[in-house]
Protein backbone atom coordinates (compact mmCIF):
# COMPACT_ATOMS: atom_id res chain seq x y z
CA MET A 1 50.23 126.60 48.38
CA GLU A 2 50.42 130.10 47.79
CA ARG A 3 51.37 132.54 50.78
CA LEU A 4 48.74 134.46 52.07
CA GLU A 5 49.63 138.17 53.09
CA THR A 6 49.19 139.17 56.54
CA THR A 7 46.69 141.49 57.44
CA SER A 8 47.94 144.80 59.38
CA ALA A 9 45.58 143.88 62.34
CA VAL A 10 47.05 140.15 62.83
CA ARG A 11 50.68 141.90 62.07
CA ALA A 12 50.55 144.80 64.54
CA ARG A 13 48.66 141.95 67.31
CA MET A 14 51.74 139.62 66.43
CA SER A 15 54.22 142.38 67.14
CA LYS A 16 53.17 143.33 70.60
CA GLN A 17 53.88 139.81 72.38
CA LYS A 18 56.38 139.99 74.25
CA SER A 19 59.74 137.62 74.60
CA ARG A 20 60.83 139.01 77.63
CA ASN A 21 59.33 139.44 81.25
CA THR A 22 56.11 137.80 80.26
CA GLY A 23 53.27 137.22 83.39
CA ILE A 24 54.11 133.95 83.75
CA GLU A 25 57.49 134.78 83.94
CA VAL A 26 57.43 137.77 86.33
CA ALA A 27 54.73 135.90 88.09
CA LEU A 28 57.44 132.76 89.07
CA ARG A 29 60.20 134.68 89.42
CA LYS A 30 58.32 135.67 92.56
CA VAL A 31 57.05 132.95 93.50
CA LEU A 32 61.01 131.65 93.95
CA HIS A 33 61.98 134.47 95.23
CA ALA A 34 59.82 133.81 98.38
CA ALA A 35 60.64 130.75 98.63
CA GLY A 36 64.17 132.18 98.54
CA LEU A 37 65.88 131.10 95.20
CA ARG A 38 68.42 133.34 93.78
CA TYR A 39 68.68 133.58 89.76
CA ARG A 40 69.69 135.67 86.89
CA VAL A 41 67.29 136.26 84.28
CA HIS A 42 67.53 136.69 80.10
CA ARG A 43 71.15 134.61 80.55
CA ARG A 44 72.97 132.57 78.11
CA PRO A 45 73.76 129.75 80.10
CA ILE A 46 76.63 128.41 78.31
CA THR A 47 79.08 130.42 76.16
CA GLY A 48 79.20 129.36 72.80
CA VAL A 49 75.51 128.39 72.30
CA ARG A 50 73.22 131.60 71.57
CA ARG A 51 70.46 130.08 73.20
CA GLU A 52 68.92 132.04 76.61
CA ALA A 53 67.43 130.62 79.91
CA ASP A 54 64.40 133.04 81.28
CA LEU A 55 65.93 131.99 84.61
CA VAL A 56 69.36 130.72 85.34
CA PHE A 57 70.72 128.92 88.55
CA GLY A 58 74.35 128.81 88.02
CA PRO A 59 75.40 126.96 90.95
CA ALA A 60 73.35 123.61 90.17
CA ARG A 61 73.57 124.41 86.83
CA VAL A 62 69.69 124.55 86.13
CA ALA A 63 68.13 126.33 83.65
CA VAL A 64 64.42 127.77 83.40
CA PHE A 65 62.69 128.16 79.98
CA VAL A 66 59.16 130.02 80.04
CA ASP A 67 57.90 128.91 76.42
CA GLY A 68 54.42 130.00 75.12
CA CYS A 69 51.62 127.29 74.08
CA PHE A 70 51.72 129.10 70.95
CA TRP A 71 54.52 129.68 69.81
CA HIS A 72 56.30 126.22 71.32
CA GLY A 73 53.37 124.21 70.05
CA CYS A 74 52.18 123.28 73.29
CA PRO A 75 50.64 119.55 73.23
CA GLU A 76 47.65 120.20 75.27
CA HIS A 77 46.75 123.80 73.01
CA VAL A 78 48.67 124.26 70.30
CA THR A 79 46.75 125.40 67.37
CA TRP A 80 47.46 125.91 63.72
CA PRO A 81 46.25 128.88 61.83
CA LYS A 82 44.52 128.67 58.54
CA ASN A 83 46.16 132.10 57.38
CA ASN A 84 49.96 131.34 56.00
CA ALA A 85 49.33 127.57 57.20
CA ASP A 86 52.61 126.17 55.64
CA PHE A 87 54.88 129.46 57.41
CA TRP A 88 53.48 128.97 60.95
CA ARG A 89 53.77 125.22 60.77
CA THR A 90 57.55 125.53 59.89
CA LYS A 91 57.73 128.39 62.23
CA ILE A 92 56.37 126.32 65.55
CA GLU A 93 58.03 123.33 64.09
CA THR A 94 61.20 125.05 63.84
CA ASN A 95 60.77 126.62 67.19
CA ARG A 96 60.46 122.48 69.00
CA ARG A 97 63.41 121.21 67.33
CA ARG A 98 65.48 124.44 68.63
CA ASP A 99 63.88 123.62 71.84
CA ALA A 100 64.87 120.35 72.26
CA ASP A 101 68.61 121.28 70.51
CA THR A 102 68.59 123.48 73.29
CA ASP A 103 68.17 120.55 76.06
CA LEU A 104 70.37 118.45 74.61
CA ARG A 105 73.44 120.59 74.41
CA LEU A 106 72.66 122.14 77.93
CA GLN A 107 72.48 118.26 78.80
CA ALA A 108 75.66 117.69 77.37
CA ALA A 109 77.52 120.27 78.78
CA GLY A 110 76.29 119.20 82.19
CA TRP A 111 72.80 121.63 82.75
CA GLN A 112 69.49 120.60 83.15
CA THR A 113 66.65 122.44 81.99
CA VAL A 114 63.40 123.00 83.06
CA ARG A 115 60.83 123.31 80.74
CA ILE A 116 57.13 125.42 81.74
CA TRP A 117 54.31 125.83 79.57
CA GLU A 118 52.78 129.45 79.80
CA HIS A 119 49.67 127.81 80.70
CA GLU A 120 50.96 126.35 83.99
CA THR A 121 50.09 127.64 87.60
CA SER A 122 52.83 129.89 88.68
CA GLU A 123 53.14 127.84 91.95
CA GLU A 124 53.28 124.67 89.80
CA ALA A 125 55.70 125.65 87.55
CA ALA A 126 57.54 126.91 90.45
CA ALA A 127 57.49 123.49 92.24
CA ARG A 128 59.52 121.66 89.75
CA VAL A 129 62.07 124.69 89.61
CA VAL A 130 62.80 124.45 93.38
CA ALA A 131 62.82 120.49 93.12
CA ALA A 132 65.42 120.89 89.95
CA VAL A 133 67.57 123.56 92.13
CA ARG A 134 67.83 121.84 95.30
CA GLU A 135 68.09 118.19 93.64
CA ARG A 136 71.37 119.73 92.30
CA ARG A 137 72.88 121.75 95.30
């Protein structure tokens, strides 16, 4: 299939997508902090693996990743763009494979991963994170 050129409007919109400190990340951090949990932000849980978690609870060995529904192919909300369809399907499926590989690598190193979807409320997401951290303390 021929690759279609991306319009300047689409390119501008995509370049403005935040990868750090998104609304759900900040809301989640506020709820977790209010619950008394302390964490590191945007850190690599283990050396030698170039994968950065959004939140790291070092002593409990819990790594939290906040995944965007579009970028990580949320089972509930994944959409497949019509323009550059092959490119986007490959991009999203590569992200999914990398996420699974990250989870396996961290698990092998003794870490637990918690994956949060952007559509989750900060309260539901925080409840899962709190449970994981407290279970491992």
